[in-house]
Amino acid sequence: MPLLHFHLVKGRNPAEIRTLLDAAHGAMLAAFKVPERDRYQIVSEHDANHMVIEDTGLDIPRTDKFVLLQVTSRPRSKEQFAEFYRLLAEALQQKCGIESSDLMVSVVENSAEHWSFGYGRAQFLTGEL
């Protein structure tokens, strides 16, 4: 945990997607200090005309390499989130050729009781995690 849900414009090949996922996982490990196998990632691909992502008046240029990342996570510090955004942007640029202007991240915070990893149990509450 956290759960990372990537929204992409269709057209990337499987190797490009795997590189993107690996880069994001590395940023998450470094920023949030979670275990290596704490990896929950989903990719949704959309037709270009099904994604309207503007810039809230910030004059940020967007291309068809745009990545919208929705992060669902238990609370973390402002510093951890800022570090994640920075590391993620750097990793995607270096490893995937995705400019930081083509990255948007939205975080939804929840609590320990909102997670079950299997077996019908809330592992954060039972002490398993």
N, C-alpha and C. Protein backbone atom coordinates (compact mmCIF):
# COMPACT_ATOMS: atom_id res chain seq x y z
N MET A 1 0.87 -1.15 0.00
CA MET A 1 0.00 0.00 0.00
C MET A 1 0.91 1.21 0.00
N PRO A 2 0.75 2.20 -0.71
CA PRO A 2 -0.46 2.72 -1.34
C PRO A 2 -0.81 2.02 -2.67
N LEU A 3 -2.01 2.33 -3.10
CA LEU A 3 -2.52 1.85 -4.38
C LEU A 3 -2.29 2.96 -5.40
N LEU A 4 -1.58 2.63 -6.49
CA LEU A 4 -1.29 3.59 -7.55
C LEU A 4 -2.12 3.23 -8.78
N HIS A 5 -2.95 4.15 -9.22
CA HIS A 5 -3.79 3.94 -10.40
C HIS A 5 -3.39 4.96 -11.46
N PHE A 6 -2.79 4.46 -12.54
CA PHE A 6 -2.30 5.28 -13.62
C PHE A 6 -3.35 5.40 -14.71
N HIS A 7 -3.58 6.60 -15.18
CA HIS A 7 -4.46 6.85 -16.32
C HIS A 7 -3.59 7.37 -17.44
N LEU A 8 -3.57 6.64 -18.57
CA LEU A 8 -2.70 6.94 -19.69
C LEU A 8 -3.50 7.02 -20.98
N VAL A 9 -3.00 7.79 -21.92
CA VAL A 9 -3.53 7.76 -23.28
C VAL A 9 -3.04 6.47 -23.92
N LYS A 10 -3.93 5.76 -24.60
CA LYS A 10 -3.56 4.51 -25.28
C LYS A 10 -2.40 4.73 -26.23
N GLY A 11 -1.58 3.69 -26.36
CA GLY A 11 -0.52 3.75 -27.35
C GLY A 11 0.84 3.31 -26.86
N ARG A 12 1.01 3.15 -25.56
CA ARG A 12 2.31 2.69 -25.05
C ARG A 12 2.39 1.18 -25.20
N ASN A 13 3.60 0.69 -25.44
CA ASN A 13 3.76 -0.77 -25.53
C ASN A 13 3.99 -1.34 -24.13
N PRO A 14 3.91 -2.67 -23.99
CA PRO A 14 4.07 -3.28 -22.66
C PRO A 14 5.38 -2.94 -21.97
N ALA A 15 6.48 -2.85 -22.71
CA ALA A 15 7.77 -2.52 -22.09
C ALA A 15 7.75 -1.09 -21.54
N GLU A 16 7.15 -0.16 -22.26
CA GLU A 16 7.06 1.23 -21.79
C GLU A 16 6.22 1.30 -20.52
N ILE A 17 5.13 0.56 -20.49
CA ILE A 17 4.27 0.57 -19.30
C ILE A 17 5.02 -0.03 -18.11
N ARG A 18 5.73 -1.13 -18.32
CA ARG A 18 6.46 -1.76 -17.22
C ARG A 18 7.55 -0.83 -16.69
N THR A 19 8.23 -0.12 -17.58
CA THR A 19 9.26 0.83 -17.15
C THR A 19 8.64 1.94 -16.32
N LEU A 20 7.49 2.44 -16.75
CA LEU A 20 6.78 3.48 -16.00
C LEU A 20 6.39 2.97 -14.61
N LEU A 21 5.85 1.76 -14.54
CA LEU A 21 5.44 1.19 -13.25
C LEU A 21 6.64 0.98 -12.34
N ASP A 22 7.74 0.48 -12.90
CA ASP A 22 8.94 0.26 -12.09
C ASP A 22 9.51 1.58 -11.57
N ALA A 23 9.51 2.61 -12.43
CA ALA A 23 10.02 3.93 -12.02
C ALA A 23 9.17 4.49 -10.88
N ALA A 24 7.86 4.38 -11.01
CA ALA A 24 6.96 4.89 -9.97
C ALA A 24 7.14 4.11 -8.67
N HIS A 25 7.32 2.81 -8.78
CA HIS A 25 7.52 2.00 -7.58
C HIS A 25 8.79 2.40 -6.86
N GLY A 26 9.86 2.64 -7.61
CA GLY A 26 11.10 3.09 -6.99
C GLY A 26 10.93 4.41 -6.25
N ALA A 27 10.21 5.35 -6.85
CA ALA A 27 9.96 6.64 -6.19
C ALA A 27 9.15 6.44 -4.91
N MET A 28 8.16 5.56 -4.97
CA MET A 28 7.33 5.31 -3.80
C MET A 28 8.15 4.67 -2.68
N LEU A 29 8.98 3.69 -3.03
CA LEU A 29 9.83 3.05 -2.01
C LEU A 29 10.72 4.06 -1.31
N ALA A 30 11.33 4.94 -2.10
CA ALA A 30 12.26 5.92 -1.53
C ALA A 30 11.54 6.96 -0.68
N ALA A 31 10.39 7.43 -1.13
CA ALA A 31 9.70 8.51 -0.42
C ALA A 31 8.92 8.02 0.79
N PHE A 32 8.28 6.86 0.67
CA PHE A 32 7.37 6.39 1.72
C PHE A 32 7.98 5.32 2.62
N LYS A 33 9.16 4.82 2.24
CA LYS A 33 9.85 3.81 3.05
C LYS A 33 8.97 2.59 3.32
N VAL A 34 8.32 2.10 2.28
CA VAL A 34 7.48 0.91 2.40
C VAL A 34 8.29 -0.32 1.97
N PRO A 35 7.84 -1.53 2.32
CA PRO A 35 8.56 -2.74 1.90
C PRO A 35 8.56 -2.90 0.37
N GLU A 36 9.57 -3.56 -0.15
CA GLU A 36 9.74 -3.77 -1.59
C GLU A 36 8.49 -4.38 -2.24
N ARG A 37 7.88 -5.36 -1.59
CA ARG A 37 6.72 -6.04 -2.18
C ARG A 37 5.40 -5.35 -1.85
N ASP A 38 5.47 -4.15 -1.36
CA ASP A 38 4.28 -3.33 -1.11
C ASP A 38 3.97 -2.63 -2.43
N ARG A 39 3.45 -3.40 -3.37
CA ARG A 39 3.29 -2.90 -4.74
C ARG A 39 1.90 -3.23 -5.24
N TYR A 40 1.11 -2.17 -5.42
CA TYR A 40 -0.26 -2.30 -5.91
C TYR A 40 -0.45 -1.23 -6.97
N GLN A 41 -0.45 -1.65 -8.23
CA GLN A 41 -0.49 -0.71 -9.35
C GLN A 41 -1.53 -1.17 -10.37
N ILE A 42 -2.26 -0.23 -10.89
CA ILE A 42 -3.27 -0.48 -11.92
C ILE A 42 -3.03 0.52 -13.04
N VAL A 43 -3.16 0.07 -14.27
CA VAL A 43 -3.06 0.95 -15.43
C VAL A 43 -4.39 0.93 -16.16
N SER A 44 -4.94 2.10 -16.41
CA SER A 44 -6.12 2.25 -17.26
C SER A 44 -5.70 3.09 -18.45
N GLU A 45 -5.99 2.57 -19.65
CA GLU A 45 -5.65 3.30 -20.87
C GLU A 45 -6.93 3.86 -21.48
N HIS A 46 -6.82 5.07 -21.99
CA HIS A 46 -7.99 5.79 -22.51
C HIS A 46 -7.70 6.32 -23.90
N ASP A 47 -8.74 6.42 -24.72
CA ASP A 47 -8.60 7.14 -25.98
C ASP A 47 -8.24 8.59 -25.65
N ALA A 48 -7.47 9.21 -26.51
CA ALA A 48 -7.02 10.59 -26.26
C ALA A 48 -8.19 11.53 -26.03
N ASN A 49 -9.28 11.33 -26.74
CA ASN A 49 -10.43 12.24 -26.57
C ASN A 49 -11.25 11.91 -25.33
N HIS A 50 -10.86 10.91 -24.56
CA HIS A 50 -11.53 10.58 -23.31
C HIS A 50 -10.82 11.16 -22.09
N MET A 51 -9.75 11.90 -22.34
CA MET A 51 -9.01 12.53 -21.25
C MET A 51 -8.86 14.02 -21.57
N VAL A 52 -9.49 14.83 -20.76
CA VAL A 52 -9.32 16.28 -20.88
C VAL A 52 -8.62 16.71 -19.61
N ILE A 53 -7.33 16.98 -19.74
CA ILE A 53 -6.51 17.33 -18.59
C ILE A 53 -5.87 18.68 -18.89
N GLU A 54 -6.37 19.71 -18.27
CA GLU A 54 -5.83 21.04 -18.50
C GLU A 54 -4.89 21.39 -17.35
N ASP A 55 -4.71 22.66 -17.06
CA ASP A 55 -3.64 23.02 -16.14
C ASP A 55 -4.03 24.04 -15.08
N THR A 56 -5.31 24.22 -14.82
CA THR A 56 -5.79 25.15 -13.79
C THR A 56 -5.23 26.55 -14.00
N GLY A 57 -4.99 26.91 -15.25
CA GLY A 57 -4.48 28.25 -15.53
C GLY A 57 -2.99 28.44 -15.28
N LEU A 58 -2.25 27.35 -15.14
CA LEU A 58 -0.82 27.44 -14.84
C LEU A 58 0.06 27.43 -16.10
N ASP A 59 -0.56 27.36 -17.27
CA ASP A 59 0.17 27.31 -18.54
C ASP A 59 1.16 26.15 -18.60
N ILE A 60 0.72 24.99 -18.18
CA ILE A 60 1.54 23.79 -18.23
C ILE A 60 1.23 23.05 -19.53
N PRO A 61 2.22 22.85 -20.40
CA PRO A 61 1.96 22.15 -21.66
C PRO A 61 1.74 20.66 -21.44
N ARG A 62 0.81 20.09 -22.19
CA ARG A 62 0.51 18.66 -22.09
C ARG A 62 0.72 18.00 -23.45
N THR A 63 1.13 16.72 -23.43
CA THR A 63 1.27 15.96 -24.67
C THR A 63 0.53 14.64 -24.52
N ASP A 64 0.63 13.80 -25.54
CA ASP A 64 -0.03 12.49 -25.48
C ASP A 64 0.71 11.52 -24.56
N LYS A 65 1.84 11.94 -23.98
CA LYS A 65 2.54 11.11 -22.99
C LYS A 65 2.03 11.39 -21.57
N PHE A 66 0.99 12.17 -21.45
CA PHE A 66 0.46 12.58 -20.15
C PHE A 66 0.16 11.37 -19.25
N VAL A 67 0.48 11.53 -17.96
CA VAL A 67 0.19 10.53 -16.94
C VAL A 67 -0.59 11.20 -15.81
N LEU A 68 -1.77 10.69 -15.54
CA LEU A 68 -2.52 11.08 -14.36
C LEU A 68 -2.41 9.92 -13.38
N LEU A 69 -1.87 10.20 -12.22
CA LEU A 69 -1.69 9.16 -11.20
C LEU A 69 -2.59 9.47 -10.01
N GLN A 70 -3.47 8.53 -9.70
CA GLN A 70 -4.30 8.63 -8.50
C GLN A 70 -3.69 7.71 -7.45
N VAL A 71 -3.35 8.28 -6.32
CA VAL A 71 -2.72 7.54 -5.22
C VAL A 71 -3.73 7.43 -4.08
N THR A 72 -3.99 6.21 -3.65
CA THR A 72 -4.82 5.99 -2.46
C THR A 72 -3.88 5.50 -1.37
N SER A 73 -3.86 6.22 -0.25
CA SER A 73 -2.84 5.96 0.77
C SER A 73 -3.34 6.32 2.16
N ARG A 74 -2.78 5.63 3.12
CA ARG A 74 -2.95 6.09 4.50
C ARG A 74 -2.21 7.41 4.64
N PRO A 75 -2.51 8.19 5.67
CA PRO A 75 -1.85 9.50 5.81
C PRO A 75 -0.33 9.40 5.86
N ARG A 76 0.30 10.36 5.21
CA ARG A 76 1.74 10.50 5.22
C ARG A 76 2.05 11.98 5.39
N SER A 77 3.28 12.31 5.71
CA SER A 77 3.63 13.70 5.95
C SER A 77 3.67 14.50 4.64
N LYS A 78 3.54 15.81 4.78
CA LYS A 78 3.66 16.70 3.62
C LYS A 78 5.02 16.52 2.96
N GLU A 79 6.04 16.33 3.78
CA GLU A 79 7.39 16.16 3.25
C GLU A 79 7.51 14.87 2.44
N GLN A 80 6.87 13.80 2.92
CA GLN A 80 6.91 12.54 2.17
C GLN A 80 6.21 12.68 0.82
N PHE A 81 5.06 13.34 0.81
CA PHE A 81 4.36 13.53 -0.46
C PHE A 81 5.17 14.41 -1.40
N ALA A 82 5.76 15.49 -0.89
CA ALA A 82 6.57 16.37 -1.74
C ALA A 82 7.76 15.61 -2.32
N GLU A 83 8.39 14.77 -1.51
CA GLU A 83 9.51 13.96 -1.99
C GLU A 83 9.04 12.96 -3.04
N PHE A 84 7.88 12.37 -2.83
CA PHE A 84 7.34 11.43 -3.82
C PHE A 84 7.10 12.13 -5.15
N TYR A 85 6.46 13.30 -5.13
CA TYR A 85 6.21 14.03 -6.38
C TYR A 85 7.52 14.32 -7.11
N ARG A 86 8.53 14.78 -6.37
CA ARG A 86 9.82 15.13 -6.97
C ARG A 86 10.50 13.91 -7.55
N LEU A 87 10.60 12.85 -6.75
CA LEU A 87 11.26 11.62 -7.21
C LEU A 87 10.53 10.99 -8.39
N LEU A 88 9.21 11.01 -8.34
CA LEU A 88 8.41 10.45 -9.43
C LEU A 88 8.67 11.21 -10.73
N ALA A 89 8.61 12.54 -10.66
CA ALA A 89 8.85 13.34 -11.86
C ALA A 89 10.24 13.09 -12.42
N GLU A 90 11.24 13.02 -11.56
CA GLU A 90 12.61 12.75 -12.01
C GLU A 90 12.72 11.37 -12.65
N ALA A 91 12.15 10.36 -12.01
CA ALA A 91 12.25 8.99 -12.53
C ALA A 91 11.52 8.84 -13.86
N LEU A 92 10.35 9.44 -13.99
CA LEU A 92 9.62 9.32 -15.25
C LEU A 92 10.35 10.04 -16.37
N GLN A 93 11.00 11.14 -16.06
CA GLN A 93 11.75 11.86 -17.09
C GLN A 93 12.99 11.06 -17.50
N GLN A 94 13.73 10.57 -16.53
CA GLN A 94 14.97 9.87 -16.81
C GLN A 94 14.75 8.51 -17.46
N LYS A 95 13.77 7.76 -16.98
CA LYS A 95 13.59 6.38 -17.43
C LYS A 95 12.56 6.21 -18.54
N CYS A 96 11.64 7.18 -18.65
CA CYS A 96 10.53 7.03 -19.61
C CYS A 96 10.45 8.16 -20.62
N GLY A 97 11.24 9.21 -20.44
CA GLY A 97 11.16 10.35 -21.33
C GLY A 97 9.89 11.15 -21.20
N ILE A 98 9.25 11.07 -20.03
CA ILE A 98 8.02 11.81 -19.76
C ILE A 98 8.40 13.09 -19.02
N GLU A 99 8.09 14.21 -19.62
CA GLU A 99 8.41 15.50 -19.01
C GLU A 99 7.55 15.73 -17.76
N SER A 100 8.08 16.47 -16.82
CA SER A 100 7.35 16.74 -15.58
C SER A 100 6.05 17.50 -15.84
N SER A 101 5.97 18.21 -16.96
CA SER A 101 4.73 18.91 -17.32
C SER A 101 3.63 17.93 -17.72
N ASP A 102 4.00 16.69 -18.01
CA ASP A 102 3.03 15.66 -18.39
C ASP A 102 2.69 14.73 -17.23
N LEU A 103 2.88 15.19 -16.01
CA LEU A 103 2.58 14.37 -14.83
C LEU A 103 1.65 15.15 -13.90
N MET A 104 0.56 14.52 -13.55
CA MET A 104 -0.35 15.07 -12.54
C MET A 104 -0.62 13.97 -11.53
N VAL A 105 -0.59 14.31 -10.24
CA VAL A 105 -0.81 13.35 -9.17
C VAL A 105 -1.93 13.86 -8.28
N SER A 106 -2.85 12.97 -7.95
CA SER A 106 -3.92 13.28 -7.00
C SER A 106 -3.90 12.21 -5.92
N VAL A 107 -3.95 12.63 -4.66
CA VAL A 107 -3.88 11.71 -3.53
C VAL A 107 -5.21 11.68 -2.79
N VAL A 108 -5.67 10.48 -2.50
CA VAL A 108 -6.85 10.27 -1.66
C VAL A 108 -6.35 9.54 -0.42
N GLU A 109 -6.51 10.15 0.74
CA GLU A 109 -6.07 9.51 1.98
C GLU A 109 -7.23 8.74 2.61
N ASN A 110 -6.85 7.62 3.23
CA ASN A 110 -7.82 6.84 3.99
C ASN A 110 -7.13 6.29 5.23
N SER A 111 -7.80 5.44 5.97
CA SER A 111 -7.29 4.96 7.25
C SER A 111 -7.07 3.46 7.24
N ALA A 112 -6.46 2.96 8.29
CA ALA A 112 -6.13 1.53 8.40
C ALA A 112 -7.34 0.63 8.19
N GLU A 113 -8.47 1.02 8.69
CA GLU A 113 -9.66 0.16 8.58
C GLU A 113 -10.21 0.08 7.16
N HIS A 114 -9.68 0.88 6.25
CA HIS A 114 -10.16 0.90 4.87
C HIS A 114 -9.41 -0.07 3.96
N TRP A 115 -8.56 -0.93 4.54
CA TRP A 115 -7.77 -1.85 3.73
C TRP A 115 -7.98 -3.30 4.17
N SER A 116 -8.21 -4.16 3.20
CA SER A 116 -8.17 -5.61 3.39
C SER A 116 -7.35 -6.17 2.24
N PHE A 117 -6.28 -6.88 2.53
CA PHE A 117 -5.40 -7.41 1.51
C PHE A 117 -5.73 -8.84 1.12
N GLY A 118 -6.76 -9.40 1.75
CA GLY A 118 -7.19 -10.76 1.44
C GLY A 118 -7.72 -11.46 2.67
N TYR A 119 -8.32 -12.60 2.44
CA TYR A 119 -8.86 -13.46 3.50
C TYR A 119 -9.99 -12.81 4.30
N GLY A 120 -10.54 -11.73 3.81
CA GLY A 120 -11.64 -11.07 4.51
C GLY A 120 -11.24 -10.45 5.83
N ARG A 121 -9.97 -10.08 5.96
CA ARG A 121 -9.49 -9.49 7.21
C ARG A 121 -8.91 -8.11 6.95
N ALA A 122 -8.96 -7.27 7.95
CA ALA A 122 -8.35 -5.93 7.90
C ALA A 122 -6.99 -6.05 8.58
N GLN A 123 -5.97 -6.38 7.79
CA GLN A 123 -4.66 -6.73 8.33
C GLN A 123 -3.99 -5.63 9.14
N PHE A 124 -4.27 -4.36 8.83
CA PHE A 124 -3.72 -3.29 9.67
C PHE A 124 -4.37 -3.30 11.06
N LEU A 125 -5.61 -3.72 11.13
CA LEU A 125 -6.31 -3.75 12.42
C LEU A 125 -6.03 -5.01 13.21
N THR A 126 -5.81 -6.14 12.50
CA THR A 126 -5.57 -7.40 13.19
C THR A 126 -4.13 -7.52 13.70
N GLY A 127 -3.27 -6.61 13.26
CA GLY A 127 -1.86 -6.66 13.66
C GLY A 127 -0.99 -7.48 12.71
N GLU A 128 -1.59 -8.03 11.64
CA GLU A 128 -0.80 -8.78 10.67
C GLU A 128 0.15 -7.86 9.92
N LEU A 129 -0.21 -6.60 9.80
CA LEU A 129 0.66 -5.60 9.16
C LEU A 129 0.93 -4.47 10.14
